[in-house]
């Protein structure tokens, strides 16, 4: 475990095969993601009212982004319809869904000028096409899609038509600066969404931009799986992704901002992540990330709708600091939270005081830790525990059974695992040194993950992510860490999954 600590940051891409996309020289660009709190009720209002309210809000945000010179803006999953759409039956939800026109189409100028009535079924496409054109900006949104068919009919694109006469998808669409419908992606991994279905073949959707970046597309829970993003990464060399989501925070390793940053750092790419804002349901956290970590992000229960903007690329990156809330009320109501069940994980208490070296194994995974933890004189600190796990987890309400490998250091009130990463953890010791590594032999992807007591990310550069000559993966603290709730390496072994792609 004693290694030179100035290892190289992991940025790796295996001999990728590139598709023929327009060759445009990449340049720095300005991106915006929206932490969005939708309005309206699918239970008491018409589709035109719900969609119309949120489309008007989107327009205001697009105009604001355009005034800041933004090139591309991303909105969250369910932002136009509200998340409560997923609680409706397929038939009840249908009036809120949209029939998409063909790719490379745009709204007629007459409609953009407001000189004609827009049918409800075309409302989203028409409005967003017009907003993109009027503001000369790329726009990425998520919306429910409907494809009408004849019950029992076998179609080449979608498979056998459902008995209720329509295919229904959670779809992301992209409009270019001219309002042209540039691309469509249908969500691959649904999370308790019975009104939608999974496409028979995974959409491997990529769109090109005039600033030279080719973006891949995925939605929310897709980020936990190999398809579509890693297929695009390894087979087509796509390292930049747009990511509408309605992510539910889970401690200690899978809050939205932890997942967004860790996933991006492993791939050495860029992620534009826009999250639904509903703190009571544990849904907060949006950001813009590159290989080094967060360029700009927000994660606060009192932020409400917020535009997060940053320059991506270039030697000097301009961030828009006003986008990040300064609130520290991270644990206060109404911020809900899920908790990972750590009771079946191997764990051990870490001792404060002198530097220590320990190892902890679970099944085929061994975690190794060099550390020094100090509690201020005359104070009693909550303890840290080391966790190790290699096995299965059920996700998505039991929909998926996936294989994970985990090495993690978590703050706990006492020796009870149930006390770890909870609001009652208040007096956290200082980590003066830390080197955490594991033999992740089964994992294909390992996310470096960290979160503070205030449920924020550590400053960029606090943890170096390394891969060593013997194949182990590790995290090394480059500075003393205060108020750190959890640090971990979260591995996914996709080929061992029982359910999922």
Protein backbone atom coordinates (compact mmCIF):
# COMPACT_ATOMS: atom_id res chain seq x y z
CA UNK A 1 0.00 0.00 0.00
CA UNK A 2 2.93 2.41 0.43
CA UNK A 3 3.06 4.11 -2.94
CA UNK A 4 4.22 7.42 -4.35
CA UNK A 5 1.19 9.64 -3.89
CA UNK A 6 1.64 11.82 -6.96
CA UNK A 7 0.09 9.18 -9.28
CA UNK A 8 -1.50 10.16 -12.55
CA UNK A 9 -5.18 11.09 -12.57
CA UNK A 10 -7.12 8.32 -14.25
CA UNK A 11 -8.25 9.42 -17.70
CA UNK A 12 -8.73 6.39 -19.83
CA UNK A 13 -10.26 5.50 -23.13
CA UNK A 14 -9.74 2.18 -24.86
CA UNK A 15 -9.02 2.35 -28.64
CA UNK A 16 -12.46 3.66 -29.47
CA UNK A 17 -14.17 3.34 -32.81
CA UNK A 18 -15.53 6.64 -34.08
CA UNK A 19 -18.68 7.14 -36.08
CA UNK A 20 -18.68 9.65 -38.93
CA UNK A 21 -19.97 12.84 -37.35
CA UNK A 22 -19.48 16.31 -38.79
CA UNK A 23 -15.86 17.35 -38.34
CA UNK A 24 -15.95 20.69 -36.48
CA UNK A 25 -12.96 21.90 -34.49
CA UNK A 26 -13.91 21.86 -30.80
CA UNK A 27 -13.85 25.16 -28.95
CA UNK A 28 -14.68 26.24 -25.40
CA UNK A 29 -18.41 26.67 -24.91
CA UNK A 30 -20.80 27.88 -22.24
CA UNK A 31 -23.25 25.34 -20.84
CA UNK A 32 -26.26 25.73 -18.58
CA UNK A 33 -28.18 23.13 -16.62
CA UNK A 34 -31.42 23.87 -14.83
CA UNK A 35 -32.29 22.69 -11.34
CA UNK A 36 -36.01 22.93 -11.92
CA UNK A 37 -39.07 22.90 -9.68
CA UNK A 38 -42.10 22.33 -11.95
CA UNK A 39 -45.52 23.88 -11.48
CA UNK A 40 -49.02 22.60 -12.12
CA UNK A 41 -51.02 19.50 -11.22
CA UNK A 42 -51.83 16.62 -13.54
CA UNK A 43 -54.73 15.76 -11.20
CA UNK A 44 -56.58 19.08 -11.35
CA UNK A 45 -55.40 20.84 -14.51
CA UNK A 46 -55.62 20.14 -18.22
CA UNK A 47 -52.56 19.04 -20.21
CA UNK A 48 -52.47 22.43 -21.94
CA UNK A 49 -52.39 24.19 -18.57
CA UNK A 50 -49.65 22.03 -17.03
CA UNK A 51 -47.50 21.91 -20.15
CA UNK A 52 -48.10 25.58 -20.88
CA UNK A 53 -47.03 26.80 -17.43
CA UNK A 54 -43.77 24.88 -17.51
CA UNK A 55 -43.04 25.75 -21.13
CA UNK A 56 -43.41 29.43 -20.25
CA UNK A 57 -40.97 28.92 -17.36
CA UNK A 58 -38.57 27.17 -19.71
CA UNK A 59 -38.77 30.10 -22.10
CA UNK A 60 -37.77 32.55 -19.36
CA UNK A 61 -34.81 30.37 -18.40
CA UNK A 62 -33.74 30.00 -22.03
CA UNK A 63 -33.88 33.76 -22.51
CA UNK A 64 -31.80 34.27 -19.35
CA UNK A 65 -29.27 31.67 -20.47
CA UNK A 66 -29.00 33.23 -23.92
CA UNK A 67 -28.29 36.61 -22.32
CA UNK A 68 -25.28 34.99 -20.63
CA UNK A 69 -23.94 33.67 -23.92
CA UNK A 70 -24.94 30.05 -23.23
CA UNK A 71 -24.51 27.66 -26.15
CA UNK A 72 -26.47 24.69 -24.76
CA UNK A 73 -29.05 24.36 -21.99
CA UNK A 74 -30.34 21.12 -20.39
CA UNK A 75 -33.63 20.66 -18.51
CA UNK A 76 -34.53 17.78 -16.13
CA UNK A 77 -36.57 14.62 -16.41
CA UNK A 78 -40.33 15.19 -15.94
CA UNK A 79 -39.77 18.95 -15.90
CA UNK A 80 -42.61 19.75 -18.29
CA UNK A 81 -45.21 17.33 -16.93
CA UNK A 82 -44.24 17.16 -13.21
CA UNK A 83 -43.12 13.92 -11.60
CA UNK A 84 -46.68 13.06 -10.54
CA UNK A 85 -47.31 12.02 -14.15
CA UNK A 86 -45.63 8.72 -13.26
CA UNK A 87 -48.38 7.96 -10.74
CA UNK A 88 -51.09 8.04 -13.42
CA UNK A 89 -52.22 5.03 -15.40
CA UNK A 90 -51.05 4.74 -19.00
CA UNK A 91 -54.40 5.91 -20.33
CA UNK A 92 -54.76 8.77 -17.84
CA UNK A 93 -51.25 10.00 -18.63
CA UNK A 94 -51.71 9.80 -22.39
CA UNK A 95 -53.15 13.32 -22.94
CA UNK A 96 -49.93 14.75 -21.45
CA UNK A 97 -47.70 12.87 -23.92
CA UNK A 98 -46.49 14.21 -27.24
CA UNK A 99 -46.34 12.83 -30.76
CA UNK A 100 -42.89 13.66 -32.10
CA UNK A 101 -42.35 14.80 -35.66
CA UNK A 102 -39.51 13.37 -37.69
CA UNK A 103 -35.91 14.28 -36.95
CA UNK A 104 -34.66 17.37 -38.85
CA UNK A 105 -38.03 19.10 -38.67
CA UNK A 106 -38.84 22.45 -37.06
CA UNK A 107 -41.87 24.55 -36.19
CA UNK A 108 -43.22 26.77 -38.98
CA UNK A 109 -42.36 30.44 -38.57
CA UNK A 110 -46.08 31.24 -38.46
CA UNK A 111 -46.43 29.26 -35.22
CA UNK A 112 -43.32 30.87 -33.72
CA UNK A 113 -44.82 34.29 -34.44
CA UNK A 114 -47.95 33.34 -32.52
CA UNK A 115 -50.18 33.69 -35.55
CA UNK A 116 -51.76 30.25 -35.33
CA UNK A 117 -53.29 27.98 -32.70
CA UNK A 118 -51.07 25.08 -31.64
CA UNK A 119 -52.79 21.72 -30.98
CA UNK A 120 -52.10 20.22 -27.52
CA UNK A 121 -50.37 17.19 -29.06
CA UNK A 122 -47.83 19.51 -30.75
CA UNK A 123 -47.44 22.04 -27.94
CA UNK A 124 -44.07 20.92 -26.56
CA UNK A 125 -42.36 20.40 -29.89
CA UNK A 126 -43.60 23.68 -31.34
CA UNK A 127 -42.83 25.86 -28.33
CA UNK A 128 -39.35 24.46 -27.75
CA UNK A 129 -38.49 24.66 -31.44
CA UNK A 130 -39.47 28.32 -31.40
CA UNK A 131 -37.60 29.09 -28.16
CA UNK A 132 -34.41 27.49 -29.49
CA UNK A 133 -34.67 29.42 -32.77
CA UNK A 134 -35.49 32.75 -31.17
CA UNK A 135 -32.54 32.49 -28.77
CA UNK A 136 -30.06 30.69 -31.06
CA UNK A 137 -29.32 28.05 -28.43
CA UNK A 138 -29.21 24.25 -28.24
CA UNK A 139 -32.04 23.00 -25.99
CA UNK A 140 -32.26 19.55 -24.36
CA UNK A 141 -35.53 18.51 -22.71
CA UNK A 142 -37.27 15.39 -21.43
CA UNK A 143 -40.91 14.71 -22.31
CA UNK A 144 -43.30 11.78 -22.49
CA UNK A 145 -43.56 10.44 -26.05
CA UNK A 146 -46.48 8.54 -27.57
CA UNK A 147 -46.40 6.45 -30.74
CA UNK A 148 -49.91 5.40 -31.74
CA UNK A 149 -50.22 1.88 -33.17
CA UNK A 150 -52.70 -0.96 -33.75
CA UNK A 151 -52.97 -3.35 -30.82
CA UNK A 152 -51.03 -6.55 -31.49
CA UNK A 153 -49.34 -5.16 -34.60
CA UNK A 154 -45.67 -6.13 -34.94
CA UNK A 155 -43.69 -3.03 -35.90
CA UNK A 156 -40.08 -3.01 -37.04
CA UNK A 157 -38.98 -0.10 -34.84
CA UNK A 158 -40.90 -0.65 -31.61
CA UNK A 159 -41.95 -4.30 -31.51
CA UNK A 160 -45.45 -5.58 -30.79
CA UNK A 161 -48.01 -2.85 -30.17
CA UNK A 162 -49.46 -2.92 -26.62
CA UNK A 163 -53.10 -3.81 -26.10
CA UNK A 164 -53.95 -0.18 -25.29
CA UNK A 165 -52.87 0.94 -28.75
CA UNK A 166 -49.73 2.99 -28.16
CA UNK A 167 -46.04 2.83 -27.32
CA UNK A 168 -45.11 5.29 -24.57
CA UNK A 169 -41.55 6.37 -23.80
CA UNK A 170 -39.67 8.73 -21.53
CA UNK A 171 -37.75 10.60 -24.22
CA UNK A 172 -35.11 13.31 -24.40
CA UNK A 173 -35.03 15.55 -27.44
CA UNK A 174 -32.54 18.13 -28.69
CA UNK A 175 -33.22 21.28 -30.71
CA UNK A 176 -30.40 23.11 -32.47
CA UNK A 177 -29.94 26.87 -32.74
CA UNK A 178 -32.37 27.00 -35.67
CA UNK A 179 -35.08 25.14 -33.76
CA UNK A 180 -34.54 21.94 -35.74
CA UNK A 181 -35.28 18.67 -33.93
CA UNK A 182 -31.78 17.27 -33.94
CA UNK A 183 -32.01 14.00 -31.96
CA UNK A 184 -34.20 11.82 -29.77
CA UNK A 185 -33.27 9.36 -27.01
CA UNK A 186 -35.66 6.93 -25.29
CA UNK A 187 -34.84 6.02 -21.68
CA UNK A 188 -33.40 2.52 -21.29
CA UNK A 189 -33.67 1.88 -17.53
CA UNK A 190 -37.00 2.86 -16.02
CA UNK A 191 -37.35 3.52 -12.30
CA UNK A 192 -40.88 2.66 -11.11
CA UNK A 193 -42.47 4.13 -14.25
CA UNK A 194 -45.25 1.77 -15.38
CA UNK A 195 -46.73 4.26 -17.84
CA UNK A 196 -43.58 3.98 -20.00
CA UNK A 197 -41.84 1.08 -21.70
CA UNK A 198 -38.25 0.31 -22.63
CA UNK A 199 -37.37 0.43 -26.35
CA UNK A 200 -36.70 -3.00 -27.85
CA UNK A 201 -33.22 -1.85 -28.86
CA UNK A 202 -31.21 0.61 -26.81
CA UNK A 203 -31.03 4.05 -28.39
CA UNK A 204 -27.37 4.94 -28.94
CA UNK A 205 -28.03 8.58 -29.67
CA UNK A 206 -25.32 11.13 -30.43
CA UNK A 207 -25.77 14.69 -31.67
CA UNK A 208 -23.13 17.09 -32.99
CA UNK A 209 -22.86 20.81 -32.32
CA UNK A 210 -21.40 23.80 -34.09
CA UNK A 211 -18.88 24.22 -31.25
CA UNK A 212 -17.31 20.88 -32.12
CA UNK A 213 -18.61 18.63 -29.30
CA UNK A 214 -20.48 15.39 -30.00
CA UNK A 215 -22.82 14.64 -27.09
CA UNK A 216 -24.20 11.28 -26.04
CA UNK A 217 -27.59 11.08 -24.35
CA UNK A 218 -28.91 9.22 -21.30
CA UNK A 219 -31.61 9.74 -18.66
CA UNK A 220 -31.46 9.41 -14.87
CA UNK A 221 -31.16 5.73 -13.83
CA UNK A 222 -29.33 4.90 -17.07
CA UNK A 223 -26.15 6.21 -15.45
CA UNK A 224 -25.99 3.14 -13.20
CA UNK A 225 -25.72 0.77 -16.18
CA UNK A 226 -23.47 -0.03 -19.13
CA UNK A 227 -25.96 0.98 -21.81
CA UNK A 228 -26.26 3.40 -23.41
CA UNK A 229 -23.43 5.65 -22.20
CA UNK A 230 -20.53 3.20 -21.90
CA UNK A 231 -21.37 1.60 -25.22
CA UNK A 232 -21.07 5.06 -26.77
CA UNK A 233 -17.88 5.74 -24.81
CA UNK A 234 -16.00 2.56 -25.68
CA UNK A 235 -17.33 1.97 -29.19
CA UNK A 236 -17.67 5.52 -30.51
CA UNK A 237 -15.31 7.53 -28.32
CA UNK A 238 -18.09 9.73 -26.94
CA UNK A 239 -16.94 11.40 -23.71
CA UNK A 240 -19.47 14.25 -23.37
CA UNK A 241 -23.04 13.62 -22.22
CA UNK A 242 -26.28 15.47 -21.51
CA UNK A 243 -28.17 14.06 -18.55
CA UNK A 244 -31.78 14.99 -17.65
CA UNK A 245 -32.62 13.34 -14.34
CA UNK A 246 -35.03 13.16 -11.40
CA UNK A 247 -32.46 11.54 -9.11
CA UNK A 248 -33.34 10.57 -5.52
CA UNK A 249 -30.47 11.15 -3.07
CA UNK A 250 -29.09 8.14 -1.21
CA UNK A 251 -26.40 8.31 1.47
CA UNK A 252 -23.62 7.63 1.98
CA UNK A 253 -22.43 7.09 -1.62
CA UNK A 254 -25.16 7.86 -4.17
CA UNK A 255 -26.47 11.38 -3.80
CA UNK A 256 -27.05 13.10 -7.13
CA UNK A 257 -23.93 15.25 -7.05
CA UNK A 258 -21.73 12.35 -5.87
CA UNK A 259 -22.90 10.19 -8.74
CA UNK A 260 -22.60 12.94 -11.31
CA UNK A 261 -19.06 13.92 -10.32
CA UNK A 262 -17.73 10.39 -9.73
CA UNK A 263 -19.07 9.02 -13.02
CA UNK A 264 -17.50 11.88 -14.95
CA UNK A 265 -14.13 11.66 -13.22
CA UNK A 266 -13.79 7.98 -14.04
CA UNK A 267 -14.46 8.52 -17.74
CA UNK A 268 -12.46 11.72 -17.95
CA UNK A 269 -15.28 13.37 -19.89
CA UNK A 270 -17.94 16.04 -19.46
CA UNK A 271 -21.44 15.74 -17.98
CA UNK A 272 -24.24 18.32 -18.14
CA UNK A 273 -26.62 17.11 -15.41
CA UNK A 274 -30.01 18.74 -14.84
CA UNK A 275 -32.03 17.48 -11.87
CA UNK A 276 -35.65 17.83 -10.80
CA UNK A 277 -35.98 19.95 -7.64
CA UNK A 278 -38.24 18.37 -5.02
CA UNK A 279 -36.32 18.28 -1.69
CA UNK A 280 -39.12 16.53 0.22
CA UNK A 281 -38.64 13.61 -2.16
CA UNK A 282 -34.82 13.78 -1.87
CA UNK A 283 -34.48 15.22 -5.36
CA UNK A 284 -31.85 17.97 -5.59
CA UNK A 285 -28.42 18.40 -7.16
CA UNK A 286 -27.42 19.55 -10.67
CA UNK A 287 -24.08 20.46 -12.15
CA UNK A 288 -21.53 20.76 -14.93
CA UNK A 289 -18.56 18.41 -14.57
CA UNK A 290 -15.31 17.56 -16.33
CA UNK A 291 -12.45 15.15 -15.66
CA UNK A 292 -11.24 17.15 -12.64
CA UNK A 293 -14.66 17.28 -10.96
CA UNK A 294 -17.38 19.89 -10.60
CA UNK A 295 -16.94 23.10 -12.60
CA UNK A 296 -20.16 24.48 -11.15
CA UNK A 297 -23.04 22.83 -9.31
CA UNK A 298 -25.89 23.38 -6.89
CA UNK A 299 -27.33 21.10 -4.22
CA UNK A 300 -29.51 22.89 -1.71
CA UNK A 301 -33.04 22.19 -0.48
CA UNK A 302 -33.87 25.91 -0.49
CA UNK A 303 -32.55 26.79 -3.94
CA UNK A 304 -35.79 26.30 -5.88
CA UNK A 305 -35.45 26.63 -9.64
CA UNK A 306 -31.87 27.66 -10.44
CA UNK A 307 -29.75 28.15 -13.54
CA UNK A 308 -26.23 26.71 -13.23
CA UNK A 309 -23.81 28.05 -15.83
CA UNK A 310 -20.14 27.42 -16.63
CA UNK A 311 -17.62 27.59 -19.41
CA UNK A 312 -16.39 24.17 -20.50
CA UNK A 313 -12.97 23.80 -22.12
CA UNK A 314 -10.19 26.32 -22.58
CA UNK A 315 -7.26 27.14 -20.34
CA UNK A 316 -9.23 29.57 -18.23
CA UNK A 317 -12.69 28.45 -17.20
CA UNK A 318 -15.24 31.07 -16.30
CA UNK A 319 -17.76 29.91 -13.72
CA UNK A 320 -20.88 31.78 -12.74
CA UNK A 321 -20.60 31.63 -8.97
CA UNK A 322 -24.01 33.19 -8.37
CA UNK A 323 -25.53 29.92 -9.56
CA UNK A 324 -24.52 28.01 -6.41
CA UNK A 325 -26.63 28.53 -3.32
CA UNK A 326 -24.80 29.54 -0.15
CA UNK A 327 -27.34 27.86 2.13
CA UNK A 328 -26.00 25.41 4.70
CA UNK A 329 -29.40 24.04 5.73
CA UNK A 330 -28.63 20.69 4.11
CA UNK A 331 -30.20 18.44 6.75
CA UNK A 332 -33.19 20.59 7.54
CA UNK A 333 -36.72 19.77 6.46
CA UNK A 334 -38.05 19.30 3.91
CA UNK A 335 -34.94 17.51 2.58
CA UNK A 336 -35.76 13.80 2.36
CA UNK A 337 -33.08 11.13 2.05
CA UNK A 338 -32.67 7.43 1.29
CA UNK A 339 -29.98 5.36 3.03
CA UNK A 340 -27.99 2.46 1.68
CA UNK A 341 -28.33 -0.67 3.87
CA UNK A 342 -24.80 -1.23 5.17
CA UNK A 343 -25.67 -3.97 7.66
CA UNK A 344 -24.41 -6.80 5.45
CA UNK A 345 -21.15 -5.03 4.60
CA UNK A 346 -17.90 -5.84 6.37
CA UNK A 347 -16.91 -2.91 8.58
CA UNK A 348 -14.43 -1.84 11.23
CA UNK A 349 -13.84 1.17 13.44
CA UNK A 350 -10.98 3.51 12.54
CA UNK A 351 -8.83 4.77 15.40
CA UNK A 352 -8.04 8.43 15.96
CA UNK A 353 -4.50 9.47 16.77
CA UNK A 354 -1.40 8.04 15.13
CA UNK A 355 -1.27 6.98 11.49
CA UNK A 356 -2.68 3.52 10.84
CA UNK A 357 -2.69 0.92 8.07
CA UNK A 358 -5.62 -1.50 7.87
CA UNK A 359 -7.24 -3.92 5.43
CA UNK A 360 -10.79 -5.19 5.26
CA UNK A 361 -12.13 -7.85 2.88
CA UNK A 362 -15.57 -8.96 1.78
CA UNK A 363 -15.87 -11.92 -0.61
CA UNK A 364 -13.42 -11.26 -3.49
CA UNK A 365 -12.77 -7.59 -2.65
CA UNK A 366 -10.10 -6.36 -0.23
CA UNK A 367 -9.96 -2.70 0.75
CA UNK A 368 -6.71 -1.19 2.04
CA UNK A 369 -6.46 2.06 3.95
CA UNK A 370 -3.58 4.24 5.16
CA UNK A 371 -4.97 7.02 7.32
CA UNK A 372 -4.46 9.55 10.05
CA UNK A 373 -7.52 10.90 11.85
CA UNK A 374 -7.31 13.57 14.54
CA UNK A 375 -9.95 14.75 16.98
CA UNK A 376 -9.40 18.22 18.45
CA UNK A 377 -8.07 18.26 22.01
CA UNK A 378 -10.69 18.06 24.78
CA UNK A 379 -13.43 17.15 22.32
CA UNK A 380 -15.30 13.91 21.69
CA UNK A 381 -15.63 13.15 17.98
CA UNK A 382 -17.96 10.86 16.11
CA UNK A 383 -16.05 7.88 14.72
CA UNK A 384 -15.18 6.83 11.19
CA UNK A 385 -15.72 3.27 9.99
CA UNK A 386 -14.25 1.45 6.98
CA UNK A 387 -16.69 -0.56 4.83
CA UNK A 388 -16.04 -3.29 2.28
CA UNK A 389 -18.62 -5.06 0.13
CA UNK A 390 -18.73 -7.25 -2.97
CA UNK A 391 -22.13 -8.60 -3.94
CA UNK A 392 -25.59 -7.67 -5.13
CA UNK A 393 -28.00 -4.80 -4.51
CA UNK A 394 -31.61 -4.44 -5.57
CA UNK A 395 -32.43 -1.08 -7.14
CA UNK A 396 -35.47 0.63 -8.59
CA UNK A 397 -37.93 -0.84 -6.12
CA UNK A 398 -36.66 -4.35 -6.81
CA UNK A 399 -36.71 -3.95 -10.59
CA UNK A 400 -32.96 -4.51 -10.95
CA UNK A 401 -30.47 -6.72 -9.13
CA UNK A 402 -26.99 -5.41 -9.80
CA UNK A 403 -23.43 -6.31 -8.80
CA UNK A 404 -21.38 -3.77 -6.90
CA UNK A 405 -17.98 -3.59 -5.21
CA UNK A 406 -17.39 -0.94 -2.58
CA UNK A 407 -14.61 0.45 -0.41
CA UNK A 408 -15.73 3.37 1.76
CA UNK A 409 -14.94 5.46 4.81
CA UNK A 410 -18.05 6.82 6.56
CA UNK A 411 -18.62 8.99 9.64
CA UNK A 412 -20.81 7.33 12.28
CA UNK A 413 -22.10 8.33 15.72
CA UNK A 414 -21.11 5.01 17.29
CA UNK A 415 -20.31 1.38 16.49
CA UNK A 416 -23.84 0.80 15.17
CA UNK A 417 -23.92 0.74 11.37
CA UNK A 418 -27.38 2.34 11.51
CA UNK A 419 -25.78 5.48 12.96
CA UNK A 420 -23.59 6.10 9.91
CA UNK A 421 -24.08 9.10 7.61
CA UNK A 422 -27.07 10.41 9.53
CA UNK A 423 -28.00 13.95 10.67
CA UNK A 424 -26.90 13.03 14.20
CA UNK A 425 -23.28 12.86 12.99
CA UNK A 426 -22.22 16.33 14.15
CA UNK A 427 -18.68 16.34 15.56
CA UNK A 428 -16.58 14.87 12.75
CA UNK A 429 -12.83 14.37 13.24
CA UNK A 430 -10.30 15.76 10.77
CA UNK A 431 -8.70 13.42 8.26
CA UNK A 432 -5.05 14.48 8.01
CA UNK A 433 -4.05 11.72 5.59
CA UNK A 434 -5.92 9.10 3.58
CA UNK A 435 -5.03 6.57 0.91
CA UNK A 436 -7.87 4.20 0.09
CA UNK A 437 -7.50 1.38 -2.46
CA UNK A 438 -9.09 -1.90 -3.46
CA UNK A 439 -8.58 -4.83 -5.82
CA UNK A 440 -11.66 -4.18 -7.94
CA UNK A 441 -11.05 -7.21 -10.14
CA UNK A 442 -14.69 -7.69 -11.10
CA UNK A 443 -15.67 -4.05 -11.61
CA UNK A 444 -15.72 -2.41 -15.02
CA UNK A 445 -16.27 1.09 -13.69
CA UNK A 446 -15.27 2.58 -10.33
CA UNK A 447 -16.71 5.91 -9.26
CA UNK A 448 -14.69 8.02 -6.80
CA UNK A 449 -17.32 9.43 -4.46
CA UNK A 450 -17.23 11.95 -1.62
CA UNK A 451 -19.64 14.13 0.35
CA UNK A 452 -19.28 16.57 3.25
CA UNK A 453 -21.40 16.85 6.38
CA UNK A 454 -23.22 19.72 4.68
CA UNK A 455 -23.99 17.35 1.77
CA UNK A 456 -21.69 19.20 -0.61
CA UNK A 457 -18.77 18.04 -2.74
CA UNK A 458 -15.20 18.36 -1.55
CA UNK A 459 -13.26 21.13 -3.32
CA UNK A 460 -11.81 20.06 -6.67
CA UNK A 461 -8.32 18.63 -6.12
CA UNK A 462 -9.01 17.30 -2.61
CA UNK A 463 -8.89 13.67 -3.73
CA UNK A 464 -6.66 12.25 -6.43
CA UNK A 465 -8.06 9.25 -8.32
CA UNK A 466 -5.34 6.76 -9.28
CA UNK A 467 -4.87 3.43 -11.01
CA UNK A 468 -1.77 1.55 -9.92
CA UNK A 469 0.59 -0.81 -11.74
CA UNK A 470 -0.88 -3.86 -10.00
CA UNK A 471 -4.38 -2.98 -11.20
CA UNK A 472 -5.69 -1.60 -7.92
CA UNK A 473 -7.69 1.61 -7.95
CA UNK A 474 -7.27 4.20 -5.24
CA UNK A 475 -8.11 7.60 -3.80
CA UNK A 476 -5.45 9.77 -2.16
CA UNK A 477 -6.19 12.89 -0.11
CA UNK A 478 -4.04 15.78 -1.28
CA UNK A 479 -4.92 17.93 1.74
CA UNK A 480 -6.46 17.62 5.21
CA UNK A 481 -10.19 16.95 5.01
CA UNK A 482 -12.63 18.52 7.46
CA UNK A 483 -16.31 17.76 7.98
CA UNK A 484 -16.18 14.82 5.54
CA UNK A 485 -19.19 12.53 5.83
CA UNK A 486 -18.20 9.81 3.34
CA UNK A 487 -15.41 8.92 0.91
CA UNK A 488 -15.58 5.86 -1.30
CA UNK A 489 -14.82 3.87 -4.40
CA UNK A 490 -18.06 2.52 -5.86
CA UNK A 491 -17.54 -0.23 -8.43
CA UNK A 492 -20.01 -1.75 -10.87
CA UNK A 493 -19.59 -5.24 -12.33
CA UNK A 494 -22.09 -5.02 -15.19
CA UNK A 495 -21.65 -8.55 -16.53
CA UNK A 496 -22.70 -9.99 -13.18
CA UNK A 497 -26.01 -8.11 -13.04
CA UNK A 498 -29.00 -10.39 -12.75
CA UNK A 499 -31.36 -7.76 -14.22
CA UNK A 500 -30.40 -4.82 -16.39
CA UNK A 501 -28.33 -4.08 -19.49
